[in-house]
PDB file of N, CA and C in Angstrom:
ATOM      1  N   GLU A   1       0.829  -1.186   0.000  1.00  0.00           N
ATOM      2  CA  GLU A   1       0.000   0.000   0.000  1.00  0.00           C
ATOM      3  C   GLU A   1       0.874   1.250   0.000  1.00  0.00           C
ATOM      4  N   ALA A   2       1.935   1.240   0.795  1.00  0.00           N
ATOM      5  CA  ALA A   2       2.796   2.413   0.867  1.00  0.00           C
ATOM      6  C   ALA A   2       3.439   2.709  -0.483  1.00  0.00           C
ATOM      7  N   LEU A   3       3.854   1.670  -1.218  1.00  0.00           N
ATOM      8  CA  LEU A   3       4.482   1.889  -2.516  1.00  0.00           C
ATOM      9  C   LEU A   3       3.483   2.386  -3.554  1.00  0.00           C
ATOM     10  N   LYS A   4       2.228   2.017  -3.416  1.00  0.00           N
ATOM     11  CA  LYS A   4       1.216   2.510  -4.349  1.00  0.00           C
ATOM     12  C   LYS A   4       1.097   4.030  -4.250  1.00  0.00           C
ATOM     13  N   ASN A   5       1.307   4.572  -3.040  1.00  0.00           N
ATOM     14  CA  ASN A   5       1.177   6.000  -2.810  1.00  0.00           C
ATOM     15  C   ASN A   5       2.489   6.748  -3.026  1.00  0.00           C
ATOM     16  N   CYS A   6       3.542   6.053  -3.341  1.00  0.00           N
ATOM     17  CA  CYS A   6       4.861   6.645  -3.553  1.00  0.00           C
ATOM     18  C   CYS A   6       4.837   7.460  -4.840  1.00  0.00           C
ATOM     19  N   PRO A   7       5.509   8.624  -4.829  1.00  0.00           N
ATOM     20  CA  PRO A   7       5.570   9.397  -6.077  1.00  0.00           C
ATOM     21  C   PRO A   7       6.162   8.554  -7.202  1.00  0.00           C
ATOM     22  N   LYS A   8       5.732   8.831  -8.428  1.00  0.00           N
ATOM     23  CA  LYS A   8       6.176   8.040  -9.571  1.00  0.00           C
ATOM     24  C   LYS A   8       7.684   7.999  -9.708  1.00  0.00           C
ATOM     25  N   ARG A   9       8.368   9.042  -9.317  1.00  0.00           N
ATOM     26  CA  ARG A   9       9.821   9.070  -9.490  1.00  0.00           C
ATOM     27  C   ARG A   9      10.524   8.019  -8.641  1.00  0.00           C
ATOM     28  N   CYS A  10       9.906   7.555  -7.546  1.00  0.00           N
ATOM     29  CA  CYS A  10      10.599   6.580  -6.702  1.00  0.00           C
ATOM     30  C   CYS A  10      10.389   5.156  -7.202  1.00  0.00           C
ATOM     31  N   VAL A  11       9.435   4.922  -8.088  1.00  0.00           N
ATOM     32  CA  VAL A  11       9.244   3.574  -8.629  1.00  0.00           C
ATOM     33  C   VAL A  11       9.366   3.530 -10.149  1.00  0.00           C
ATOM     34  N   GLY A  12       9.601   4.657 -10.768  1.00  0.00           N
ATOM     35  CA  GLY A  12       9.789   4.674 -12.224  1.00  0.00           C
ATOM     36  C   GLY A  12       8.556   5.187 -12.920  1.00  0.00           C
ATOM     37  N   GLU A  13       8.711   6.268 -13.665  1.00  0.00           N
ATOM     38  CA  GLU A  13       7.552   6.910 -14.284  1.00  0.00           C
ATOM     39  C   GLU A  13       7.004   6.150 -15.471  1.00  0.00           C
ATOM     40  N   THR A  14       7.819   5.391 -16.177  1.00  0.00           N
ATOM     41  CA  THR A  14       7.358   4.795 -17.413  1.00  0.00           C
ATOM     42  C   THR A  14       6.875   3.357 -17.247  1.00  0.00           C
ATOM     43  N   MET A  15       7.140   2.737 -16.125  1.00  0.00           N
ATOM     44  CA  MET A  15       6.759   1.335 -15.945  1.00  0.00           C
ATOM     45  C   MET A  15       5.327   1.218 -15.430  1.00  0.00           C
ATOM     46  N   GLY A  16       4.627   0.241 -15.928  1.00  0.00           N
ATOM     47  CA  GLY A  16       3.322  -0.076 -15.371  1.00  0.00           C
ATOM     48  C   GLY A  16       3.520  -0.858 -14.080  1.00  0.00           C
ATOM     49  N   ASP A  17       2.474  -0.955 -13.269  1.00  0.00           N
ATOM     50  CA  ASP A  17       2.573  -1.665 -11.994  1.00  0.00           C
ATOM     51  C   ASP A  17       3.088  -3.087 -12.155  1.00  0.00           C
ATOM     52  N   SER A  18       2.603  -3.809 -13.142  1.00  0.00           N
ATOM     53  CA  SER A  18       2.988  -5.212 -13.291  1.00  0.00           C
ATOM     54  C   SER A  18       4.411  -5.377 -13.818  1.00  0.00           C
ATOM     55  N   ASP A  19       4.972  -4.318 -14.436  1.00  0.00           N
ATOM     56  CA  ASP A  19       6.323  -4.380 -14.989  1.00  0.00           C
ATOM     57  C   ASP A  19       7.385  -3.873 -14.030  1.00  0.00           C
ATOM     58  N   ASN A  20       6.989  -3.303 -12.913  1.00  0.00           N
ATOM     59  CA  ASN A  20       7.925  -2.645 -12.017  1.00  0.00           C
ATOM     60  C   ASN A  20       8.439  -3.625 -10.959  1.00  0.00           C
ATOM     61  N   PRO A  21       9.728  -4.025 -11.054  1.00  0.00           N
ATOM     62  CA  PRO A  21      10.254  -5.005 -10.095  1.00  0.00           C
ATOM     63  C   PRO A  21      10.308  -4.470  -8.670  1.00  0.00           C
ATOM     64  N   VAL A  22      10.531  -3.178  -8.484  1.00  0.00           N
ATOM     65  CA  VAL A  22      10.570  -2.596  -7.143  1.00  0.00           C
ATOM     66  C   VAL A  22       9.181  -2.664  -6.508  1.00  0.00           C
ATOM     67  N   LEU A  23       8.188  -2.293  -7.260  1.00  0.00           N
ATOM     68  CA  LEU A  23       6.825  -2.340  -6.762  1.00  0.00           C
ATOM     69  C   LEU A  23       6.402  -3.778  -6.466  1.00  0.00           C
ATOM     70  N   ARG A  24       6.738  -4.710  -7.378  1.00  0.00           N
ATOM     71  CA  ARG A  24       6.390  -6.122  -7.154  1.00  0.00           C
ATOM     72  C   ARG A  24       7.071  -6.656  -5.902  1.00  0.00           C
ATOM     73  N   LEU A  25       8.348  -6.306  -5.694  1.00  0.00           N
ATOM     74  CA  LEU A  25       9.067  -6.740  -4.499  1.00  0.00           C
ATOM     75  C   LEU A  25       8.401  -6.191  -3.244  1.00  0.00           C
ATOM     76  N   GLY A  26       8.092  -4.908  -3.263  1.00  0.00           N
ATOM     77  CA  GLY A  26       7.419  -4.302  -2.111  1.00  0.00           C
ATOM     78  C   GLY A  26       6.093  -4.967  -1.806  1.00  0.00           C
ATOM     79  N   GLN A  27       5.329  -5.265  -2.841  1.00  0.00           N
ATOM     80  CA  GLN A  27       4.037  -5.913  -2.649  1.00  0.00           C
ATOM     81  C   GLN A  27       4.191  -7.333  -2.124  1.00  0.00           C
ATOM     82  N   SER A  28       5.233  -8.035  -2.576  1.00  0.00           N
ATOM     83  CA  SER A  28       5.428  -9.413  -2.103  1.00  0.00           C
ATOM     84  C   SER A  28       5.904  -9.446  -0.656  1.00  0.00           C
ATOM     85  N   LEU A  29       6.616  -8.412  -0.226  1.00  0.00           N
ATOM     86  CA  LEU A  29       7.113  -8.361   1.149  1.00  0.00           C
ATOM     87  C   LEU A  29       6.099  -7.762   2.118  1.00  0.00           C
ATOM     88  N   ALA A  30       5.134  -7.045   1.627  1.00  0.00           N
ATOM     89  CA  ALA A  30       4.191  -6.331   2.478  1.00  0.00           C
ATOM     90  C   ALA A  30       3.536  -7.197   3.551  1.00  0.00           C
ATOM     91  N   PRO A  31       3.115  -8.435   3.251  1.00  0.00           N
ATOM     92  CA  PRO A  31       2.474  -9.230   4.312  1.00  0.00           C
ATOM     93  C   PRO A  31       3.402  -9.534   5.489  1.00  0.00           C
ATOM     94  N   ALA A  32       4.697  -9.518   5.275  1.00  0.00           N
ATOM     95  CA  ALA A  32       5.645  -9.828   6.340  1.00  0.00           C
ATOM     96  C   ALA A  32       6.082  -8.589   7.119  1.00  0.00           C
ATOM     97  N   VAL A  33       5.723  -7.413   6.639  1.00  0.00           N
ATOM     98  CA  VAL A  33       6.153  -6.170   7.271  1.00  0.00           C
ATOM     99  C   VAL A  33       5.047  -5.663   8.180  1.00  0.00           C
ATOM    100  N   SER A  34       5.439  -5.205   9.332  1.00  0.00           N
ATOM    101  CA  SER A  34       4.475  -4.669  10.292  1.00  0.00           C
ATOM    102  C   SER A  34       4.544  -3.151  10.303  1.00  0.00           C
ATOM    103  N   TYR A  35       3.426  -2.516  10.147  1.00  0.00           N
ATOM    104  CA  TYR A  35       3.349  -1.069  10.191  1.00  0.00           C
ATOM    105  C   TYR A  35       2.402  -0.639  11.300  1.00  0.00           C
ATOM    106  N   LYS A  36       2.928   0.109  12.243  1.00  0.00           N
ATOM    107  CA  LYS A  36       2.107   0.750  13.274  1.00  0.00           C
ATOM    108  C   LYS A  36       1.094  -0.194  13.909  1.00  0.00           C
ATOM    109  N   GLU A  37       1.514  -1.400  14.214  1.00  0.00           N
ATOM    110  CA  GLU A  37       0.607  -2.297  14.907  1.00  0.00           C
ATOM    111  C   GLU A  37       1.232  -2.684  16.230  1.00  0.00           C
ATOM    112  N   SER A  38       0.435  -3.197  17.117  1.00  0.00           N
ATOM    113  CA  SER A  38       0.949  -3.554  18.434  1.00  0.00           C
ATOM    114  C   SER A  38       1.830  -4.791  18.353  1.00  0.00           C
ATOM    115  N   ASN A  39       2.601  -5.005  19.393  1.00  0.00           N
ATOM    116  CA  ASN A  39       3.442  -6.193  19.487  1.00  0.00           C
ATOM    117  C   ASN A  39       2.585  -7.454  19.419  1.00  0.00           C
ATOM    118  N   VAL A  40       1.428  -7.423  20.042  1.00  0.00           N
ATOM    119  CA  VAL A  40       0.520  -8.580  20.013  1.00  0.00           C
ATOM    120  C   VAL A  40       0.087  -8.863  18.581  1.00  0.00           C
ATOM    121  N   GLU A  41      -0.294  -7.831  17.857  1.00  0.00           N
ATOM    122  CA  GLU A  41      -0.721  -8.023  16.462  1.00  0.00           C
ATOM    123  C   GLU A  41       0.421  -8.540  15.602  1.00  0.00           C
ATOM    124  N   THR A  42       1.618  -7.992  15.806  1.00  0.00           N
ATOM    125  CA  THR A  42       2.787  -8.443  15.048  1.00  0.00           C
ATOM    126  C   THR A  42       3.082  -9.906  15.346  1.00  0.00           C
ATOM    127  N   ASN A  43       3.116 -10.258  16.626  1.00  0.00           N
ATOM    128  CA  ASN A  43       3.377 -11.653  16.998  1.00  0.00           C
ATOM    129  C   ASN A  43       2.308 -12.597  16.460  1.00  0.00           C
ATOM    130  N   ARG A  44       1.070 -12.176  16.504  1.00  0.00           N
ATOM    131  CA  ARG A  44      -0.013 -13.008  15.975  1.00  0.00           C
ATOM    132  C   ARG A  44       0.204 -13.269  14.484  1.00  0.00           C
ATOM    133  N   LYS A  45       0.570 -12.230  13.748  1.00  0.00           N
ATOM    134  CA  LYS A  45       0.814 -12.367  12.313  1.00  0.00           C
ATOM    135  C   LYS A  45       1.987 -13.330  12.058  1.00  0.00           C
ATOM    136  N   VAL A  46       3.094 -13.119  12.780  1.00  0.00           N
ATOM    137  CA  VAL A  46       4.276 -13.956  12.584  1.00  0.00           C
ATOM    138  C   VAL A  46       3.980 -15.409  12.923  1.00  0.00           C
ATOM    139  N   TRP A  47       3.382 -15.656  14.090  1.00  0.00           N
ATOM    140  CA  TRP A  47       3.140 -17.046  14.507  1.00  0.00           C
ATOM    141  C   TRP A  47       2.050 -17.721  13.687  1.00  0.00           C
ATOM    142  N   ASN A  48       1.063 -16.974  13.234  1.00  0.00           N
ATOM    143  CA  ASN A  48       0.056 -17.562  12.335  1.00  0.00           C
ATOM    144  C   ASN A  48       0.699 -18.003  11.023  1.00  0.00           C
ATOM    145  N   ASN A  49       1.601 -17.174  10.491  1.00  0.00           N
ATOM    146  CA  ASN A  49       2.302 -17.550   9.262  1.00  0.00           C
ATOM    147  C   ASN A  49       3.229 -18.735   9.492  1.00  0.00           C
ATOM    148  N   TYR A  50       3.895 -18.755  10.636  1.00  0.00           N
ATOM    149  CA  TYR A  50       4.774 -19.882  10.976  1.00  0.00           C
ATOM    150  C   TYR A  50       3.960 -21.178  10.981  1.00  0.00           C
ATOM    151  N   ALA A  51       2.833 -21.159  11.682  1.00  0.00           N
ATOM    152  CA  ALA A  51       1.994 -22.357  11.773  1.00  0.00           C
ATOM    153  C   ALA A  51       1.412 -22.743  10.414  1.00  0.00           C
ATOM    154  N   LYS A  52       1.022 -21.747   9.635  1.00  0.00           N
ATOM    155  CA  LYS A  52       0.443 -22.014   8.314  1.00  0.00           C
ATOM    156  C   LYS A  52       1.463 -22.689   7.389  1.00  0.00           C
ATOM    157  N   ASP A  53       2.711 -22.234   7.479  1.00  0.00           N
ATOM    158  CA  ASP A  53       3.756 -22.751   6.595  1.00  0.00           C
ATOM    159  C   ASP A  53       4.434 -24.015   7.126  1.00  0.00           C
ATOM    160  N   TRP A  54       4.162 -24.378   8.377  1.00  0.00           N
ATOM    161  CA  TRP A  54       4.844 -25.503   9.013  1.00  0.00           C
ATOM    162  C   TRP A  54       4.394 -26.841   8.413  1.00  0.00           C
ATOM    163  N   LYS A  55       5.374 -27.629   8.037  1.00  0.00           N
ATOM    164  CA  LYS A  55       5.162 -29.016   7.616  1.00  0.00           C
ATOM    165  C   LYS A  55       6.391 -29.780   8.084  1.00  0.00           C
ATOM    166  N   PRO A  56       6.226 -31.030   8.541  1.00  0.00           N
ATOM    167  CA  PRO A  56       7.376 -31.759   9.087  1.00  0.00           C
ATOM    168  C   PRO A  56       8.512 -31.963   8.091  1.00  0.00           C
ATOM    169  N   ASP A  57       8.219 -31.896   6.798  1.00  0.00           N
ATOM    170  CA  ASP A  57       9.274 -32.117   5.807  1.00  0.00           C
ATOM    171  C   ASP A  57       9.829 -30.822   5.207  1.00  0.00           C
ATOM    172  N   GLN A  58       9.387 -29.659   5.712  1.00  0.00           N
ATOM    173  CA  GLN A  58       9.946 -28.385   5.248  1.00  0.00           C
ATOM    174  C   GLN A  58      11.431 -28.341   5.622  1.00  0.00           C
ATOM    175  N   ASP A  59      12.264 -27.875   4.731  1.00  0.00           N
ATOM    176  CA  ASP A  59      13.708 -27.809   4.989  1.00  0.00           C
ATOM    177  C   ASP A  59      14.034 -27.066   6.278  1.00  0.00           C
ATOM    178  N   TRP A  60      13.389 -25.913   6.491  1.00  0.00           N
ATOM    179  CA  TRP A  60      13.698 -25.107   7.675  1.00  0.00           C
ATOM    180  C   TRP A  60      13.247 -25.800   8.957  1.00  0.00           C
ATOM    181  N   VAL A  61      12.182 -26.580   8.919  1.00  0.00           N
ATOM    182  CA  VAL A  61      11.735 -27.321  10.099  1.00  0.00           C
ATOM    183  C   VAL A  61      12.708 -28.462  10.391  1.00  0.00           C
ATOM    184  N   VAL A  62      13.089 -29.185   9.361  1.00  0.00           N
ATOM    185  CA  VAL A  62      14.041 -30.292   9.508  1.00  0.00           C
ATOM    186  C   VAL A  62      15.370 -29.773  10.052  1.00  0.00           C
ATOM    187  N   LYS A  63      15.810 -28.621   9.538  1.00  0.00           N
ATOM    188  CA  LYS A  63      17.078 -28.046   9.995  1.00  0.00           C
ATOM    189  C   LYS A  63      17.002 -27.675  11.476  1.00  0.00           C
ATOM    190  N   MET A  64      15.902 -27.093  11.905  1.00  0.00           N
ATOM    191  CA  MET A  64      15.742 -26.745  13.318  1.00  0.00           C
ATOM    192  C   MET A  64      15.740 -27.991  14.191  1.00  0.00           C
ATOM    193  N   ALA A  65      15.066 -29.032  13.749  1.00  0.00           N
ATOM    194  CA  ALA A  65      14.958 -30.268  14.527  1.00  0.00           C
ATOM    195  C   ALA A  65      16.267 -31.036  14.569  1.00  0.00           C
ATOM    196  N   ALA A  66      17.151 -30.795  13.612  1.00  0.00           N
ATOM    197  CA  ALA A  66      18.427 -31.517  13.559  1.00  0.00           C
ATOM    198  C   ALA A  66      19.257 -31.298  14.816  1.00  0.00           C
ATOM    199  N   ASN A  67      19.078 -30.176  15.469  1.00  0.00           N
ATOM    200  CA  ASN A  67      19.809 -29.882  16.700  1.00  0.00           C
ATOM    201  C   ASN A  67      19.365 -30.751  17.872  1.00  0.00           C
ATOM    202  N   LEU A  68      18.259 -31.432  17.730  1.00  0.00           N
ATOM    203  CA  LEU A  68      17.698 -32.209  18.831  1.00  0.00           C
ATOM    204  C   LEU A  68      18.179 -33.654  18.850  1.00  0.00           C
ATOM    205  N   GLY A  69      18.955 -34.036  17.870  1.00  0.00           N
ATOM    206  CA  GLY A  69      19.498 -35.391  17.846  1.00  0.00           C
ATOM    207  C   GLY A  69      18.541 -36.390  17.217  1.00  0.00           C
ATOM    208  N   GLU A  70      18.787 -37.633  17.499  1.00  0.00           N
ATOM    209  CA  GLU A  70      18.058 -38.728  16.861  1.00  0.00           C
ATOM    210  C   GLU A  70      16.619 -38.893  17.328  1.00  0.00           C
ATOM    211  N   GLU A  71      16.289 -38.364  18.496  1.00  0.00           N
ATOM    212  CA  GLU A  71      14.950 -38.571  19.031  1.00  0.00           C
ATOM    213  C   GLU A  71      13.856 -38.209  18.028  1.00  0.00           C
ATOM    214  N   TRP A  72      13.899 -36.992  17.490  1.00  0.00           N
ATOM    215  CA  TRP A  72      12.869 -36.579  16.544  1.00  0.00           C
ATOM    216  C   TRP A  72      13.074 -37.216  15.183  1.00  0.00           C
ATOM    217  N   ALA A  73      14.323 -37.489  14.826  1.00  0.00           N
ATOM    218  CA  ALA A  73      14.587 -38.113  13.524  1.00  0.00           C
ATOM    219  C   ALA A  73      13.967 -39.504  13.465  1.00  0.00           C
ATOM    220  N   SER A  74      14.058 -40.247  14.559  1.00  0.00           N
ATOM    221  CA  SER A  74      13.537 -41.614  14.561  1.00  0.00           C
ATOM    222  C   SER A  74      12.025 -41.667  14.766  1.00  0.00           C
ATOM    223  N   GLN A  75      11.476 -40.729  15.523  1.00  0.00           N
ATOM    224  CA  GLN A  75      10.040 -40.754  15.822  1.00  0.00           C
ATOM    225  C   GLN A  75       9.235 -39.799  14.962  1.00  0.00           C
ATOM    226  N   GLY A  76       9.896 -38.873  14.336  1.00  0.00           N
ATOM    227  CA  GLY A  76       9.221 -37.946  13.439  1.00  0.00           C
ATOM    228  C   GLY A  76       8.581 -36.764  14.140  1.00  0.00           C
ATOM    229  N   LEU A  77       8.506 -35.665  13.427  1.00  0.00           N
ATOM    230  CA  LEU A  77       7.847 -34.459  13.907  1.00  0.00           C
ATOM    231  C   LEU A  77       6.363 -34.572  13.574  1.00  0.00           C
ATOM    232  N   GLU A  78       5.533 -34.247  14.546  1.00  0.00           N
ATOM    233  CA  GLU A  78       4.090 -34.340  14.330  1.00  0.00           C
ATOM    234  C   GLU A  78       3.375 -33.012  14.470  1.00  0.00           C
ATOM    235  N   HIS A  79       3.876 -32.145  15.357  1.00  0.00           N
ATOM    236  CA  HIS A  79       3.154 -30.921  15.705  1.00  0.00           C
ATOM    237  C   HIS A  79       4.064 -29.703  15.601  1.00  0.00           C
ATOM    238  N   VAL A  80       3.455 -28.560  15.327  1.00  0.00           N
ATOM    239  CA  VAL A  80       4.197 -27.313  15.361  1.00  0.00           C
ATOM    240  C   VAL A  80       4.854 -27.193  16.734  1.00  0.00           C
ATOM    241  N   GLY A  81       6.140 -26.919  16.745  1.00  0.00           N
ATOM    242  CA  GLY A  81       6.871 -26.776  18.000  1.00  0.00           C
ATOM    243  C   GLY A  81       7.709 -27.985  18.353  1.00  0.00           C
ATOM    244  N   ASP A  82       7.441 -29.125  17.733  1.00  0.00           N
ATOM    245  CA  ASP A  82       8.272 -30.312  18.001  1.00  0.00           C
ATOM    246  C   ASP A  82       9.738 -30.014  17.720  1.00  0.00           C
ATOM    247  N   GLU A  83       9.991 -29.103  16.790  1.00  0.00           N
ATOM    248  CA  GLU A  83      11.358 -28.785  16.393  1.00  0.00           C
ATOM    249  C   GLU A  83      12.092 -27.902  17.403  1.00  0.00           C
ATOM    250  N   TRP A  84      11.407 -27.446  18.448  1.00  0.00           N
ATOM    251  CA  TRP A  84      12.009 -26.528  19.403  1.00  0.00           C
ATOM    252  C   TRP A  84      12.656 -27.206  20.600  1.00  0.00           C
ATOM    253  N   SER A  85      12.264 -28.443  20.899  1.00  0.00           N
ATOM    254  CA  SER A  85      12.736 -29.047  22.135  1.00  0.00           C
ATOM    255  C   SER A  85      12.679 -30.564  22.056  1.00  0.00           C
ATOM    256  N   ASP A  86      13.588 -31.209  22.803  1.00  0.00           N
ATOM    257  CA  ASP A  86      13.482 -32.657  22.937  1.00  0.00           C
ATOM    258  C   ASP A  86      12.308 -32.968  23.874  1.00  0.00           C
ATOM    259  N   ARG A  87      11.819 -34.182  23.817  1.00  0.00           N
ATOM    260  CA  ARG A  87      10.628 -34.550  24.593  1.00  0.00           C
ATOM    261  C   ARG A  87      10.843 -34.456  26.106  1.00  0.00           C
ATOM    262  N   ALA A  88      12.029 -34.835  26.582  1.00  0.00           N
ATOM    263  CA  ALA A  88      12.298 -34.787  28.024  1.00  0.00           C
ATOM    264  C   ALA A  88      12.221 -33.346  28.545  1.00  0.00           C
ATOM    265  N   SER A  89      12.814 -32.403  27.809  1.00  0.00           N
ATOM    266  CA  SER A  89      12.770 -30.999  28.231  1.00  0.00           C
ATOM    267  C   SER A  89      11.360 -30.446  28.152  1.00  0.00           C
ATOM    268  N   LEU A  90      10.626 -30.808  27.122  1.00  0.00           N
ATOM    269  CA  LEU A  90       9.242 -30.374  26.992  1.00  0.00           C
ATOM    270  C   LEU A  90       8.409 -30.878  28.162  1.00  0.00           C
ATOM    271  N   THR A  91       8.559 -32.138  28.486  1.00  0.00           N
ATOM    272  CA  THR A  91       7.813 -32.721  29.612  1.00  0.00           C
ATOM    273  C   THR A  91       8.156 -32.008  30.912  1.00  0.00           C
ATOM    274  N   GLN A  92       9.439 -31.704  31.110  1.00  0.00           N
ATOM    275  CA  GLN A  92       9.855 -31.003  32.320  1.00  0.00           C
ATOM    276  C   GLN A  92       9.212 -29.619  32.412  1.00  0.00           C
ATOM    277  N   VAL A  93       9.218 -28.871  31.321  1.00  0.00           N
ATOM    278  CA  VAL A  93       8.606 -27.541  31.319  1.00  0.00           C
ATOM    279  C   VAL A  93       7.106 -27.644  31.595  1.00  0.00           C
ATOM    280  N   LEU A  94       6.446 -28.582  30.945  1.00  0.00           N
ATOM    281  CA  LEU A  94       5.015 -28.765  31.190  1.00  0.00           C
ATOM    282  C   LEU A  94       4.748 -29.086  32.652  1.00  0.00           C
ATOM    283  N   ASP A  95       5.498 -30.050  33.197  1.00  0.00           N
ATOM    284  CA  ASP A  95       5.281 -30.496  34.579  1.00  0.00           C
ATOM    285  C   ASP A  95       5.601 -29.428  35.611  1.00  0.00           C
ATOM    286  N   GLU A  96       6.674 -28.666  35.388  1.00  0.00           N
ATOM    287  CA  GLU A  96       7.135 -27.721  36.404  1.00  0.00           C
ATOM    288  C   GLU A  96       6.590 -26.304  36.253  1.00  0.00           C
ATOM    289  N   TRP A  97       6.216 -25.907  35.042  1.00  0.00           N
ATOM    290  CA  TRP A  97       5.858 -24.514  34.820  1.00  0.00           C
ATOM    291  C   TRP A  97       4.434 -24.280  34.324  1.00  0.00           C
ATOM    292  N   ILE A  98       3.868 -25.229  33.620  1.00  0.00           N
ATOM    293  CA  ILE A  98       2.551 -24.972  33.027  1.00  0.00           C
ATOM    294  C   ILE A  98       1.433 -25.701  33.757  1.00  0.00           C
ATOM    295  N   LEU A  99       1.548 -27.021  33.886  1.00  0.00           N
ATOM    296  CA  LEU A  99       0.468 -27.795  34.503  1.00  0.00           C
ATOM    297  C   LEU A  99       0.123 -27.366  35.928  1.00  0.00           C
ATOM    298  N   PRO A 100       1.093 -26.975  36.747  1.00  0.00           N
ATOM    299  CA  PRO A 100       0.718 -26.532  38.095  1.00  0.00           C
ATOM    300  C   PRO A 100      -0.234 -25.333  38.092  1.00  0.00           C
ATOM    301  N   HIS A 101      -0.157 -24.512  37.056  1.00  0.00           N
ATOM    302  CA  HIS A 101      -1.025 -23.334  36.977  1.00  0.00           C
ATOM    303  C   HIS A 101      -2.376 -23.658  36.341  1.00  0.00           C
ATOM    304  N   LEU A 102      -2.503 -24.861  35.799  1.00  0.00           N
ATOM    305  CA  LEU A 102      -3.762 -25.277  35.197  1.00  0.00           C
ATOM    306  C   LEU A 102      -4.519 -26.247  36.094  1.00  0.00           C
ATOM    307  N   GLY A 103      -3.917 -26.570  37.221  1.00  0.00           N
ATOM    308  CA  GLY A 103      -4.559 -27.505  38.140  1.00  0.00           C
ATOM    309  C   GLY A 103      -4.334 -28.953  37.778  1.00  0.00           C
ATOM    310  N   GLY A 104      -3.424 -29.242  36.833  1.00  0.00           N
ATOM    311  CA  GLY A 104      -3.202 -30.614  36.410  1.00  0.00           C
ATOM    312  C   GLY A 104      -1.858 -31.194  36.786  1.00  0.00           C
ATOM    313  N   GLY A 105      -1.024 -30.402  37.459  1.00  0.00           N
ATOM    314  CA  GLY A 105       0.320 -30.887  37.796  1.00  0.00           C
ATOM    315  C   GLY A 105       0.460 -31.228  39.259  1.00  0.00           C
ATOM    316  N   GLU A 106       1.645 -31.712  39.612  1.00  0.00           N
ATOM    317  CA  GLU A 106       1.903 -32.110  40.979  1.00  0.00           C
ATOM    318  C   GLU A 106       1.802 -30.946  41.963  1.00  0.00           C
ATOM    319  N   GLY A 107       2.174 -29.748  41.540  1.00  0.00           N
ATOM    320  CA  GLY A 107       2.187 -28.597  42.433  1.00  0.00           C
ATOM    321  C   GLY A 107       0.836 -27.945  42.614  1.00  0.00           C
ATOM    322  N   ALA A 108      -0.184 -28.471  41.994  1.00  0.00           N
ATOM    323  CA  ALA A 108      -1.515 -27.839  42.067  1.00  0.00           C
ATOM    324  C   ALA A 108      -2.184 -28.098  43.405  1.00  0.00           C
TER     325      ALA A 108
END
């Protein structure tokens, strides 16, 4: 939207919208750019896109999971976030930090 309102001299006076590589680049990047929105809105946009694009066989997901060793390689990634932690650490965080506040853990 911002590039549409840009004076013609900044995107080229003779090019049409579809022929202008600068304008096309700006338009393709626009969904990833945050303008004057709250941190919550920005995070929601980023994490929604992360979840939308997440697939266990995506190169970037596989690369992230590679740091976790054989555990995920042998059992496979099933859910968004599996690539962030090994199962033992995840279980520990759930047991010690989350479940007690939900009434489902030992500390409840």
